[in-house]
Amino acid sequence: MHFVLLSAICVQKPLLAFQHAKLAFEQALIGSGMAYSIVRPTAYFKSLSGQVARVQRGKPFLLFGDGRLTACKPISDADLAAYLAACVDDEALRGRILPIGGPGPAITPREQGEALFALLRQPPRFRSVPVGLLDAVIAVLGGLGRFSPRLADKAELARIGRYYATQSMLVLDPATGRYDAEATPSSGSDTLVDHYAKLVRGEATADLGAHAILS
């Protein structure tokens, strides 16, 4: 039996409860004696599509800081599925932890917004949200969360938001502690900008789930 595990690249720097849970599962799988491939995608298209609708409505694209704090190499569902399937047959992908992103260079949130405005033929309009605002929200909700499970859940959601606002979804160089776009492998042919173009033309939809919070 060969177990292909879909994990996440964010476990390289675990600061959140779900990341520690993912790492624990990875270690259990490695220690099980079963053949395995552990796949850690960088970012999904849907997680970067939450602002398309709001920009189409004439609203500014929201950024944390200057929009250059982080970068990622997002991968489409189809390209990721093909990579996962390849793990079943490709011996070179067995017994390994496999970070994987989509094609092309890493893209920052500001570049995502610029690409979206270009597709809409609109001048770029950005609104910066200070990361410190998230810290204040986390502090307040964390304190109130001691008395309310609902607010505790909201505090954890804010912590998750802060993590992704400040950490790149790229391979982390343990020697330097820096994220390395060049060391992040790529697979597939779908790009985020192509996905945005399909959304703008109405040829695709995005099942945003929790990512609809920015729309």
N, C-alpha and C. Protein backbone atom coordinates (compact mmCIF):
# COMPACT_ATOMS: atom_id res chain seq x y z
N MET A 1 0.84 -1.19 0.00
CA MET A 1 0.00 0.00 0.00
C MET A 1 0.88 1.24 0.00
N HIS A 2 0.44 2.24 -0.74
CA HIS A 2 1.16 3.52 -0.83
C HIS A 2 0.22 4.64 -0.43
N PHE A 3 0.58 5.39 0.60
CA PHE A 3 -0.25 6.45 1.14
C PHE A 3 0.26 7.80 0.61
N VAL A 4 -0.60 8.52 -0.14
CA VAL A 4 -0.27 9.86 -0.61
C VAL A 4 -1.01 10.85 0.27
N LEU A 5 -0.25 11.61 1.05
CA LEU A 5 -0.84 12.55 2.01
C LEU A 5 -0.79 13.97 1.46
N LEU A 6 -1.93 14.62 1.43
CA LEU A 6 -2.00 16.04 1.07
C LEU A 6 -1.84 16.86 2.34
N SER A 7 -0.69 17.45 2.51
CA SER A 7 -0.39 18.26 3.69
C SER A 7 -0.40 19.73 3.29
N ALA A 8 0.49 20.54 3.82
CA ALA A 8 0.53 21.97 3.48
C ALA A 8 1.93 22.50 3.75
N ILE A 9 2.37 23.45 2.94
CA ILE A 9 3.73 23.96 3.09
C ILE A 9 3.91 24.80 4.35
N CYS A 10 2.80 25.28 4.91
CA CYS A 10 2.90 26.13 6.10
C CYS A 10 3.39 25.38 7.33
N VAL A 11 3.45 24.05 7.28
CA VAL A 11 3.94 23.31 8.44
C VAL A 11 5.44 23.46 8.63
N GLN A 12 6.12 24.08 7.67
CA GLN A 12 7.56 24.32 7.84
C GLN A 12 7.84 25.21 9.04
N LYS A 13 6.90 26.11 9.32
CA LYS A 13 7.05 27.05 10.43
C LYS A 13 5.77 27.00 11.24
N PRO A 14 5.60 25.96 12.05
CA PRO A 14 4.31 25.74 12.73
C PRO A 14 4.12 26.66 13.94
N LEU A 15 3.11 27.52 13.84
CA LEU A 15 2.76 28.41 14.93
C LEU A 15 1.31 28.23 15.37
N LEU A 16 0.55 27.43 14.61
CA LEU A 16 -0.88 27.29 14.84
C LEU A 16 -1.23 25.85 15.15
N ALA A 17 -2.35 25.65 15.81
CA ALA A 17 -2.74 24.31 16.25
C ALA A 17 -2.89 23.35 15.08
N PHE A 18 -3.52 23.79 13.99
CA PHE A 18 -3.76 22.86 12.88
C PHE A 18 -2.45 22.46 12.21
N GLN A 19 -1.44 23.34 12.25
CA GLN A 19 -0.15 23.00 11.66
C GLN A 19 0.55 21.91 12.48
N HIS A 20 0.47 22.01 13.79
CA HIS A 20 1.06 20.97 14.64
C HIS A 20 0.34 19.64 14.43
N ALA A 21 -0.97 19.69 14.21
CA ALA A 21 -1.73 18.46 13.95
C ALA A 21 -1.29 17.82 12.64
N LYS A 22 -1.10 18.64 11.61
CA LYS A 22 -0.64 18.12 10.32
C LYS A 22 0.75 17.49 10.46
N LEU A 23 1.63 18.17 11.18
CA LEU A 23 2.97 17.62 11.37
C LEU A 23 2.93 16.29 12.13
N ALA A 24 2.07 16.20 13.12
CA ALA A 24 1.95 14.96 13.88
C ALA A 24 1.50 13.82 12.98
N PHE A 25 0.57 14.10 12.06
CA PHE A 25 0.11 13.07 11.14
C PHE A 25 1.24 12.67 10.19
N GLU A 26 1.98 13.67 9.69
CA GLU A 26 3.11 13.36 8.82
C GLU A 26 4.10 12.43 9.52
N GLN A 27 4.43 12.75 10.76
CA GLN A 27 5.41 11.92 11.48
C GLN A 27 4.87 10.52 11.75
N ALA A 28 3.57 10.42 12.03
CA ALA A 28 2.96 9.11 12.24
C ALA A 28 3.03 8.28 10.97
N LEU A 29 2.80 8.92 9.84
CA LEU A 29 2.86 8.21 8.56
C LEU A 29 4.29 7.75 8.25
N ILE A 30 5.25 8.64 8.47
CA ILE A 30 6.65 8.29 8.21
C ILE A 30 7.07 7.12 9.08
N GLY A 31 6.61 7.12 10.33
CA GLY A 31 7.00 6.06 11.25
C GLY A 31 6.18 4.79 11.14
N SER A 32 5.20 4.76 10.27
CA SER A 32 4.29 3.61 10.18
C SER A 32 4.89 2.43 9.42
N GLY A 33 5.92 2.69 8.64
CA GLY A 33 6.47 1.64 7.80
C GLY A 33 5.76 1.51 6.46
N MET A 34 4.70 2.27 6.25
CA MET A 34 3.97 2.24 4.99
C MET A 34 4.69 3.10 3.95
N ALA A 35 4.62 2.71 2.69
CA ALA A 35 5.13 3.55 1.62
C ALA A 35 4.31 4.85 1.58
N TYR A 36 4.99 5.98 1.40
CA TYR A 36 4.28 7.25 1.47
C TYR A 36 4.88 8.28 0.52
N SER A 37 4.07 9.28 0.20
CA SER A 37 4.50 10.54 -0.40
C SER A 37 3.74 11.63 0.34
N ILE A 38 4.45 12.61 0.88
CA ILE A 38 3.82 13.71 1.59
C ILE A 38 3.92 14.95 0.73
N VAL A 39 2.78 15.43 0.25
CA VAL A 39 2.74 16.55 -0.68
C VAL A 39 2.34 17.81 0.07
N ARG A 40 3.16 18.85 -0.06
CA ARG A 40 2.91 20.13 0.61
C ARG A 40 2.71 21.24 -0.41
N PRO A 41 1.47 21.48 -0.84
CA PRO A 41 1.21 22.55 -1.81
C PRO A 41 1.49 23.93 -1.20
N THR A 42 1.82 24.86 -2.07
CA THR A 42 2.11 26.22 -1.61
C THR A 42 0.85 27.01 -1.31
N ALA A 43 -0.01 27.17 -2.30
CA ALA A 43 -1.26 27.93 -2.13
C ALA A 43 -2.23 27.51 -3.22
N TYR A 44 -3.52 27.57 -2.89
CA TYR A 44 -4.56 27.22 -3.84
C TYR A 44 -5.11 28.47 -4.51
N PHE A 45 -5.58 28.31 -5.74
CA PHE A 45 -6.16 29.45 -6.45
C PHE A 45 -7.33 30.05 -5.67
N LYS A 46 -8.18 29.18 -5.09
CA LYS A 46 -9.36 29.72 -4.40
C LYS A 46 -8.99 30.59 -3.21
N SER A 47 -7.84 30.28 -2.57
CA SER A 47 -7.44 31.07 -1.42
C SER A 47 -6.97 32.46 -1.82
N LEU A 48 -6.70 32.66 -3.11
CA LEU A 48 -6.24 33.94 -3.61
C LEU A 48 -7.27 34.61 -4.52
N SER A 49 -8.51 34.10 -4.46
CA SER A 49 -9.57 34.64 -5.32
C SER A 49 -10.65 35.38 -4.54
N GLY A 50 -10.45 35.54 -3.26
CA GLY A 50 -11.50 36.11 -2.42
C GLY A 50 -11.81 37.57 -2.69
N GLN A 51 -10.89 38.28 -3.40
CA GLN A 51 -11.13 39.70 -3.63
C GLN A 51 -11.56 40.02 -5.06
N VAL A 52 -11.67 39.01 -5.90
CA VAL A 52 -12.04 39.27 -7.29
C VAL A 52 -13.39 39.97 -7.38
N ALA A 53 -14.39 39.45 -6.68
CA ALA A 53 -15.74 40.02 -6.75
C ALA A 53 -15.77 41.45 -6.21
N ARG A 54 -15.05 41.70 -5.12
CA ARG A 54 -15.09 43.06 -4.55
C ARG A 54 -14.41 44.06 -5.48
N VAL A 55 -13.34 43.65 -6.14
CA VAL A 55 -12.68 44.55 -7.08
C VAL A 55 -13.58 44.80 -8.29
N GLN A 56 -14.29 43.77 -8.73
CA GLN A 56 -15.25 43.95 -9.83
C GLN A 56 -16.35 44.93 -9.46
N ARG A 57 -16.66 45.03 -8.17
CA ARG A 57 -17.69 45.97 -7.71
C ARG A 57 -17.13 47.38 -7.50
N GLY A 58 -15.87 47.58 -7.86
CA GLY A 58 -15.28 48.91 -7.76
C GLY A 58 -14.58 49.19 -6.45
N LYS A 59 -14.41 48.18 -5.62
CA LYS A 59 -13.75 48.38 -4.33
C LYS A 59 -12.24 48.19 -4.48
N PRO A 60 -11.46 48.76 -3.56
CA PRO A 60 -10.01 48.59 -3.64
C PRO A 60 -9.58 47.19 -3.23
N PHE A 61 -8.41 46.80 -3.68
CA PHE A 61 -7.81 45.52 -3.31
C PHE A 61 -7.12 45.72 -1.96
N LEU A 62 -7.46 44.87 -1.00
CA LEU A 62 -6.91 45.00 0.36
C LEU A 62 -5.54 44.34 0.45
N LEU A 63 -4.62 45.03 1.10
CA LEU A 63 -3.27 44.51 1.31
C LEU A 63 -2.90 44.62 2.77
N PHE A 64 -2.10 43.70 3.24
CA PHE A 64 -1.48 43.85 4.55
C PHE A 64 -0.12 44.49 4.34
N GLY A 65 0.12 45.57 5.04
CA GLY A 65 1.34 46.32 4.81
C GLY A 65 1.35 46.87 3.40
N ASP A 66 2.52 46.76 2.73
CA ASP A 66 2.62 47.27 1.37
C ASP A 66 2.29 46.23 0.31
N GLY A 67 1.87 45.03 0.75
CA GLY A 67 1.52 43.99 -0.20
C GLY A 67 2.70 43.21 -0.72
N ARG A 68 3.87 43.49 -0.17
CA ARG A 68 5.08 42.77 -0.60
C ARG A 68 5.69 41.96 0.54
N LEU A 69 4.94 41.80 1.62
CA LEU A 69 5.46 41.07 2.78
C LEU A 69 5.63 39.58 2.48
N THR A 70 4.79 39.06 1.59
CA THR A 70 4.77 37.62 1.34
C THR A 70 4.70 37.36 -0.17
N ALA A 71 4.95 36.10 -0.51
CA ALA A 71 4.81 35.66 -1.90
C ALA A 71 4.47 34.18 -1.89
N CYS A 72 3.97 33.68 -3.01
CA CYS A 72 3.66 32.26 -3.12
C CYS A 72 3.72 31.85 -4.59
N LYS A 73 3.70 30.56 -4.82
CA LYS A 73 3.62 30.01 -6.17
C LYS A 73 2.37 29.14 -6.23
N PRO A 74 1.20 29.75 -6.41
CA PRO A 74 -0.07 29.01 -6.30
C PRO A 74 -0.21 27.94 -7.37
N ILE A 75 -0.91 26.87 -7.01
CA ILE A 75 -1.12 25.75 -7.92
C ILE A 75 -2.62 25.49 -8.06
N SER A 76 -3.03 25.18 -9.29
CA SER A 76 -4.45 24.93 -9.54
C SER A 76 -4.86 23.56 -9.02
N ASP A 77 -6.16 23.38 -8.83
CA ASP A 77 -6.67 22.08 -8.39
C ASP A 77 -6.29 20.99 -9.39
N ALA A 78 -6.41 21.30 -10.68
CA ALA A 78 -6.13 20.29 -11.71
C ALA A 78 -4.66 19.91 -11.73
N ASP A 79 -3.78 20.90 -11.63
CA ASP A 79 -2.34 20.60 -11.63
C ASP A 79 -1.93 19.85 -10.37
N LEU A 80 -2.54 20.20 -9.24
CA LEU A 80 -2.24 19.49 -8.00
C LEU A 80 -2.74 18.05 -8.07
N ALA A 81 -3.94 17.86 -8.62
CA ALA A 81 -4.48 16.50 -8.75
C ALA A 81 -3.57 15.64 -9.62
N ALA A 82 -3.05 16.22 -10.71
CA ALA A 82 -2.15 15.48 -11.59
C ALA A 82 -0.87 15.11 -10.85
N TYR A 83 -0.38 16.02 -10.01
CA TYR A 83 0.84 15.74 -9.25
C TYR A 83 0.60 14.64 -8.22
N LEU A 84 -0.53 14.70 -7.54
CA LEU A 84 -0.87 13.66 -6.57
C LEU A 84 -0.97 12.30 -7.26
N ALA A 85 -1.58 12.28 -8.43
CA ALA A 85 -1.70 11.02 -9.17
C ALA A 85 -0.33 10.49 -9.57
N ALA A 86 0.58 11.40 -9.93
CA ALA A 86 1.93 10.98 -10.32
C ALA A 86 2.66 10.32 -9.16
N CYS A 87 2.34 10.74 -7.94
CA CYS A 87 3.00 10.15 -6.77
C CYS A 87 2.71 8.65 -6.65
N VAL A 88 1.58 8.23 -7.19
CA VAL A 88 1.20 6.81 -7.10
C VAL A 88 2.13 5.94 -7.93
N ASP A 89 2.54 6.44 -9.10
CA ASP A 89 3.29 5.62 -10.04
C ASP A 89 4.79 5.94 -10.10
N ASP A 90 5.16 7.16 -9.73
CA ASP A 90 6.55 7.58 -9.87
C ASP A 90 7.36 7.20 -8.64
N GLU A 91 8.26 6.26 -8.80
CA GLU A 91 9.07 5.79 -7.67
C GLU A 91 9.92 6.92 -7.08
N ALA A 92 10.29 7.90 -7.92
CA ALA A 92 11.14 8.99 -7.44
C ALA A 92 10.41 9.89 -6.45
N LEU A 93 9.08 9.80 -6.41
CA LEU A 93 8.30 10.64 -5.51
C LEU A 93 7.89 9.91 -4.23
N ARG A 94 8.38 8.70 -4.06
CA ARG A 94 8.02 7.92 -2.88
C ARG A 94 9.01 8.15 -1.73
N GLY A 95 8.49 8.05 -0.52
CA GLY A 95 9.34 8.20 0.66
C GLY A 95 9.91 9.60 0.81
N ARG A 96 9.16 10.59 0.33
CA ARG A 96 9.68 11.96 0.35
C ARG A 96 8.62 12.95 0.81
N ILE A 97 9.09 14.07 1.34
CA ILE A 97 8.24 15.23 1.59
C ILE A 97 8.40 16.15 0.41
N LEU A 98 7.30 16.50 -0.25
CA LEU A 98 7.35 17.15 -1.56
C LEU A 98 6.63 18.50 -1.56
N PRO A 99 7.35 19.59 -1.36
CA PRO A 99 6.73 20.90 -1.55
C PRO A 99 6.47 21.09 -3.04
N ILE A 100 5.35 21.71 -3.38
CA ILE A 100 5.04 21.89 -4.80
C ILE A 100 4.19 23.14 -5.02
N GLY A 101 4.56 23.88 -6.05
CA GLY A 101 3.79 25.05 -6.44
C GLY A 101 3.46 24.99 -7.91
N GLY A 102 2.79 26.01 -8.38
CA GLY A 102 2.43 26.08 -9.79
C GLY A 102 3.54 26.70 -10.61
N PRO A 103 3.30 26.87 -11.91
CA PRO A 103 4.34 27.38 -12.81
C PRO A 103 4.57 28.88 -12.65
N GLY A 104 5.72 29.32 -13.10
CA GLY A 104 6.02 30.75 -13.11
C GLY A 104 6.67 31.23 -11.83
N PRO A 105 7.03 32.51 -11.80
CA PRO A 105 7.67 33.08 -10.62
C PRO A 105 6.70 33.24 -9.47
N ALA A 106 7.26 33.40 -8.28
CA ALA A 106 6.42 33.68 -7.11
C ALA A 106 5.72 35.02 -7.30
N ILE A 107 4.53 35.14 -6.72
CA ILE A 107 3.73 36.34 -6.89
C ILE A 107 3.33 36.89 -5.53
N THR A 108 3.47 38.20 -5.35
CA THR A 108 3.10 38.85 -4.09
C THR A 108 1.63 39.27 -4.14
N PRO A 109 1.02 39.58 -3.01
CA PRO A 109 -0.35 40.08 -3.03
C PRO A 109 -0.52 41.35 -3.88
N ARG A 110 0.46 42.24 -3.83
CA ARG A 110 0.35 43.45 -4.66
C ARG A 110 0.35 43.09 -6.14
N GLU A 111 1.18 42.16 -6.53
CA GLU A 111 1.20 41.73 -7.93
C GLU A 111 -0.10 41.03 -8.32
N GLN A 112 -0.70 40.31 -7.38
CA GLN A 112 -2.01 39.70 -7.65
C GLN A 112 -3.03 40.79 -7.95
N GLY A 113 -3.04 41.83 -7.12
CA GLY A 113 -3.97 42.92 -7.34
C GLY A 113 -3.72 43.65 -8.64
N GLU A 114 -2.46 43.90 -8.95
CA GLU A 114 -2.12 44.59 -10.19
C GLU A 114 -2.59 43.79 -11.40
N ALA A 115 -2.40 42.47 -11.35
CA ALA A 115 -2.85 41.61 -12.45
C ALA A 115 -4.36 41.65 -12.60
N LEU A 116 -5.07 41.65 -11.48
CA LEU A 116 -6.53 41.68 -11.52
C LEU A 116 -7.04 43.00 -12.10
N PHE A 117 -6.47 44.12 -11.67
CA PHE A 117 -6.89 45.41 -12.21
C PHE A 117 -6.58 45.51 -13.71
N ALA A 118 -5.46 44.94 -14.14
CA ALA A 118 -5.11 44.96 -15.56
C ALA A 118 -6.15 44.18 -16.37
N LEU A 119 -6.59 43.05 -15.85
CA LEU A 119 -7.60 42.25 -16.55
C LEU A 119 -8.92 43.01 -16.64
N LEU A 120 -9.23 43.79 -15.62
CA LEU A 120 -10.47 44.56 -15.60
C LEU A 120 -10.32 45.91 -16.30
N ARG A 121 -9.09 46.20 -16.75
CA ARG A 121 -8.80 47.47 -17.42
C ARG A 121 -9.15 48.66 -16.54
N GLN A 122 -8.74 48.54 -15.28
CA GLN A 122 -8.97 49.59 -14.30
C GLN A 122 -7.64 50.02 -13.72
N PRO A 123 -7.51 51.28 -13.32
CA PRO A 123 -6.29 51.70 -12.62
C PRO A 123 -6.23 51.02 -11.25
N PRO A 124 -5.06 50.58 -10.83
CA PRO A 124 -4.96 49.89 -9.53
C PRO A 124 -5.37 50.78 -8.38
N ARG A 125 -6.17 50.21 -7.47
CA ARG A 125 -6.59 50.89 -6.25
C ARG A 125 -6.37 49.92 -5.09
N PHE A 126 -5.51 50.33 -4.16
CA PHE A 126 -5.18 49.47 -3.03
C PHE A 126 -5.54 50.16 -1.72
N ARG A 127 -5.84 49.35 -0.73
CA ARG A 127 -6.02 49.86 0.63
C ARG A 127 -5.17 49.00 1.55
N SER A 128 -4.30 49.65 2.29
CA SER A 128 -3.38 48.94 3.17
C SER A 128 -3.98 48.75 4.56
N VAL A 129 -3.88 47.53 5.06
CA VAL A 129 -4.33 47.20 6.42
C VAL A 129 -3.09 46.90 7.25
N PRO A 130 -2.84 47.65 8.32
CA PRO A 130 -1.66 47.39 9.15
C PRO A 130 -1.73 46.01 9.81
N VAL A 131 -0.61 45.31 9.81
CA VAL A 131 -0.57 44.01 10.48
C VAL A 131 -0.86 44.18 11.97
N GLY A 132 -0.47 45.34 12.52
CA GLY A 132 -0.73 45.60 13.92
C GLY A 132 -2.20 45.57 14.28
N LEU A 133 -3.06 45.87 13.30
CA LEU A 133 -4.50 45.80 13.56
C LEU A 133 -4.92 44.37 13.87
N LEU A 134 -4.34 43.41 13.15
CA LEU A 134 -4.63 42.01 13.44
C LEU A 134 -4.14 41.63 14.83
N ASP A 135 -2.99 42.16 15.23
CA ASP A 135 -2.48 41.87 16.57
C ASP A 135 -3.45 42.35 17.64
N ALA A 136 -4.01 43.54 17.42
CA ALA A 136 -4.96 44.08 18.39
C ALA A 136 -6.22 43.23 18.45
N VAL A 137 -6.71 42.81 17.28
CA VAL A 137 -7.91 41.96 17.23
C VAL A 137 -7.66 40.65 17.95
N ILE A 138 -6.48 40.07 17.71
CA ILE A 138 -6.14 38.79 18.34
C ILE A 138 -6.08 38.94 19.86
N ALA A 139 -5.49 40.05 20.31
CA ALA A 139 -5.37 40.27 21.76
C ALA A 139 -6.74 40.39 22.41
N VAL A 140 -7.63 41.15 21.77
CA VAL A 140 -8.97 41.35 22.35
C VAL A 140 -9.76 40.04 22.33
N LEU A 141 -9.80 39.39 21.17
CA LEU A 141 -10.57 38.15 21.06
C LEU A 141 -9.96 37.04 21.92
N GLY A 142 -8.63 37.03 22.00
CA GLY A 142 -7.99 36.02 22.83
C GLY A 142 -8.37 36.16 24.30
N GLY A 143 -8.44 37.41 24.77
CA GLY A 143 -8.83 37.64 26.15
C GLY A 143 -10.28 37.26 26.39
N LEU A 144 -11.17 37.69 25.49
CA LEU A 144 -12.58 37.36 25.64
C LEU A 144 -12.84 35.88 25.41
N GLY A 145 -11.96 35.25 24.62
CA GLY A 145 -12.14 33.83 24.31
C GLY A 145 -11.99 32.92 25.52
N ARG A 146 -11.41 33.44 26.59
CA ARG A 146 -11.31 32.63 27.82
C ARG A 146 -12.68 32.37 28.43
N PHE A 147 -13.64 33.20 28.03
CA PHE A 147 -14.99 33.08 28.58
C PHE A 147 -16.01 32.64 27.53
N SER A 148 -15.61 32.62 26.26
CA SER A 148 -16.56 32.30 25.19
C SER A 148 -15.88 31.43 24.13
N PRO A 149 -16.31 30.18 23.98
CA PRO A 149 -15.73 29.33 22.93
C PRO A 149 -15.89 29.94 21.54
N ARG A 150 -16.98 30.63 21.31
CA ARG A 150 -17.21 31.23 19.99
C ARG A 150 -16.15 32.29 19.70
N LEU A 151 -15.85 33.13 20.70
CA LEU A 151 -14.84 34.16 20.51
C LEU A 151 -13.44 33.56 20.47
N ALA A 152 -13.24 32.45 21.16
CA ALA A 152 -11.95 31.76 21.09
C ALA A 152 -11.71 31.25 19.67
N ASP A 153 -12.77 30.76 19.03
CA ASP A 153 -12.65 30.31 17.64
C ASP A 153 -12.32 31.49 16.72
N LYS A 154 -12.94 32.62 16.98
CA LYS A 154 -12.66 33.81 16.16
C LYS A 154 -11.23 34.29 16.36
N ALA A 155 -10.72 34.16 17.58
CA ALA A 155 -9.34 34.55 17.85
C ALA A 155 -8.37 33.65 17.06
N GLU A 156 -8.68 32.36 17.00
CA GLU A 156 -7.82 31.44 16.25
C GLU A 156 -7.89 31.75 14.76
N LEU A 157 -9.08 32.11 14.27
CA LEU A 157 -9.21 32.49 12.87
C LEU A 157 -8.37 33.74 12.57
N ALA A 158 -8.35 34.69 13.51
CA ALA A 158 -7.54 35.89 13.33
C ALA A 158 -6.05 35.54 13.34
N ARG A 159 -5.66 34.58 14.18
CA ARG A 159 -4.25 34.15 14.20
C ARG A 159 -3.87 33.52 12.86
N ILE A 160 -4.78 32.74 12.31
CA ILE A 160 -4.53 32.13 11.00
C ILE A 160 -4.38 33.22 9.94
N GLY A 161 -5.27 34.22 9.99
CA GLY A 161 -5.17 35.32 9.04
C GLY A 161 -3.85 36.06 9.15
N ARG A 162 -3.41 36.28 10.39
CA ARG A 162 -2.13 36.97 10.57
C ARG A 162 -0.97 36.14 10.03
N TYR A 163 -1.05 34.84 10.25
CA TYR A 163 0.03 33.97 9.76
C TYR A 163 0.18 34.12 8.25
N TYR A 164 -0.93 33.99 7.55
CA TYR A 164 -0.84 34.05 6.09
C TYR A 164 -0.56 35.46 5.59
N ALA A 165 -0.81 36.47 6.42
CA ALA A 165 -0.49 37.84 6.04
C ALA A 165 0.98 38.15 6.18
N THR A 166 1.70 37.32 6.92
CA THR A 166 3.10 37.64 7.23
C THR A 166 4.09 36.54 6.84
N GLN A 167 3.61 35.39 6.41
CA GLN A 167 4.50 34.28 6.06
C GLN A 167 4.30 33.89 4.60
N SER A 168 5.39 33.78 3.86
CA SER A 168 5.31 33.35 2.47
C SER A 168 5.04 31.86 2.38
N MET A 169 4.30 31.46 1.35
CA MET A 169 4.05 30.04 1.12
C MET A 169 5.05 29.54 0.06
N LEU A 170 6.30 29.45 0.52
CA LEU A 170 7.42 29.00 -0.30
C LEU A 170 8.31 28.11 0.56
N VAL A 171 9.27 27.45 -0.05
CA VAL A 171 10.19 26.61 0.70
C VAL A 171 11.00 27.49 1.65
N LEU A 172 11.09 27.05 2.89
CA LEU A 172 11.84 27.78 3.92
C LEU A 172 13.24 27.20 4.01
N ASP A 173 14.23 28.07 3.85
CA ASP A 173 15.63 27.66 3.97
C ASP A 173 15.98 27.59 5.45
N PRO A 174 16.22 26.39 5.99
CA PRO A 174 16.48 26.29 7.44
C PRO A 174 17.79 26.96 7.85
N ALA A 175 18.71 27.10 6.91
CA ALA A 175 20.00 27.71 7.25
C ALA A 175 19.89 29.22 7.43
N THR A 176 19.03 29.85 6.63
CA THR A 176 18.90 31.30 6.69
C THR A 176 17.61 31.77 7.35
N GLY A 177 16.63 30.86 7.45
CA GLY A 177 15.32 31.24 7.98
C GLY A 177 14.52 32.08 7.01
N ARG A 178 14.92 32.07 5.73
CA ARG A 178 14.23 32.87 4.72
C ARG A 178 13.51 31.96 3.73
N TYR A 179 12.44 32.50 3.17
CA TYR A 179 11.71 31.76 2.15
C TYR A 179 12.41 31.92 0.80
N ASP A 180 12.45 30.82 0.04
CA ASP A 180 13.23 30.78 -1.19
C ASP A 180 12.35 30.38 -2.36
N ALA A 181 12.01 31.35 -3.20
CA ALA A 181 11.16 31.06 -4.35
C ALA A 181 11.87 30.13 -5.34
N GLU A 182 13.18 30.33 -5.51
CA GLU A 182 13.92 29.52 -6.48
C GLU A 182 13.99 28.05 -6.05
N ALA A 183 13.95 27.81 -4.76
CA ALA A 183 14.02 26.43 -4.26
C ALA A 183 12.65 25.76 -4.19
N THR A 184 11.60 26.49 -4.53
CA THR A 184 10.25 25.95 -4.48
C THR A 184 9.91 25.31 -5.82
N PRO A 185 9.72 23.99 -5.86
CA PRO A 185 9.44 23.32 -7.14
C PRO A 185 8.11 23.75 -7.75
N SER A 186 8.04 23.64 -9.07
CA SER A 186 6.83 23.99 -9.80
C SER A 186 6.33 22.78 -10.58
N SER A 187 5.03 22.77 -10.80
CA SER A 187 4.42 21.70 -11.59
C SER A 187 3.19 22.25 -12.30
N GLY A 188 2.87 21.70 -13.46
CA GLY A 188 1.64 22.05 -14.14
C GLY A 188 1.80 23.21 -15.10
N SER A 189 0.66 23.71 -15.59
CA SER A 189 0.65 24.77 -16.60
C SER A 189 -0.31 25.90 -16.28
N ASP A 190 -1.18 25.74 -15.30
CA ASP A 190 -2.18 26.76 -14.99
C ASP A 190 -1.56 27.86 -14.12
N THR A 191 -1.82 29.12 -14.47
CA THR A 191 -1.33 30.23 -13.66
C THR A 191 -2.49 30.94 -12.98
N LEU A 192 -2.18 31.62 -11.90
CA LEU A 192 -3.21 32.36 -11.17
C LEU A 192 -3.82 33.46 -12.05
N VAL A 193 -3.00 34.11 -12.85
CA VAL A 193 -3.53 35.18 -13.70
C VAL A 193 -4.51 34.61 -14.73
N ASP A 194 -4.20 33.43 -15.27
CA ASP A 194 -5.15 32.77 -16.18
C ASP A 194 -6.46 32.48 -15.46
N HIS A 195 -6.35 32.04 -14.21
CA HIS A 195 -7.55 31.76 -13.41
C HIS A 195 -8.36 33.03 -13.19
N TYR A 196 -7.68 34.13 -12.85
CA TYR A 196 -8.37 35.41 -12.69
C TYR A 196 -9.10 35.80 -13.98
N ALA A 197 -8.44 35.58 -15.11
CA ALA A 197 -9.05 35.94 -16.40
C ALA A 197 -10.33 35.15 -16.63
N LYS A 198 -10.34 33.89 -16.27
CA LYS A 198 -11.54 33.06 -16.43
C LYS A 198 -12.65 33.54 -15.49
N LEU A 199 -12.28 33.93 -14.28
CA LEU A 199 -13.29 34.46 -13.36
C LEU A 199 -13.89 35.75 -13.90
N VAL A 200 -13.05 36.62 -14.41
CA VAL A 200 -13.52 37.91 -14.93
C VAL A 200 -14.45 37.70 -16.12
N ARG A 201 -14.13 36.72 -16.97
CA ARG A 201 -14.95 36.46 -18.15
C ARG A 201 -16.18 35.62 -17.83
N GLY A 202 -16.30 35.15 -16.60
CA GLY A 202 -17.42 34.32 -16.22
C GLY A 202 -17.30 32.88 -16.68
N GLU A 203 -16.09 32.46 -17.04
CA GLU A 203 -15.86 31.10 -17.51
C GLU A 203 -15.53 30.14 -16.38
N ALA A 204 -15.37 30.65 -15.18
CA ALA A 204 -15.06 29.82 -14.01
C ALA A 204 -15.67 30.48 -12.78
N THR A 205 -15.87 29.69 -11.76
CA THR A 205 -16.33 30.21 -10.48
C THR A 205 -15.35 29.76 -9.40
N ALA A 206 -15.35 30.45 -8.31
CA ALA A 206 -14.45 30.12 -7.21
C ALA A 206 -15.29 29.77 -5.99
N ASP A 207 -15.13 28.52 -5.52
CA ASP A 207 -15.80 28.09 -4.29
C ASP A 207 -14.95 28.59 -3.13
N LEU A 208 -15.25 29.81 -2.65
CA LEU A 208 -14.37 30.49 -1.72
C LEU A 208 -14.38 29.94 -0.32
N GLY A 209 -15.54 29.44 0.15
CA GLY A 209 -15.61 28.98 1.53
C GLY A 209 -15.22 30.10 2.48
N ALA A 210 -14.28 29.82 3.38
CA ALA A 210 -13.85 30.82 4.36
C ALA A 210 -13.18 32.00 3.71
N HIS A 211 -12.67 31.85 2.48
CA HIS A 211 -11.97 32.93 1.82
C HIS A 211 -12.93 34.02 1.36
N ALA A 212 -14.22 33.78 1.42
CA ALA A 212 -15.20 34.79 1.04
C ALA A 212 -15.21 35.95 2.02
N ILE A 213 -14.47 35.84 3.11
CA ILE A 213 -14.46 36.89 4.13
C ILE A 213 -13.94 38.21 3.56
N LEU A 214 -13.12 38.15 2.49
CA LEU A 214 -12.56 39.36 1.91
C LEU A 214 -13.39 39.89 0.74
N SER A 215 -14.43 39.18 0.36
CA SER A 215 -15.15 39.58 -0.86
C SER A 215 -16.13 40.72 -0.61
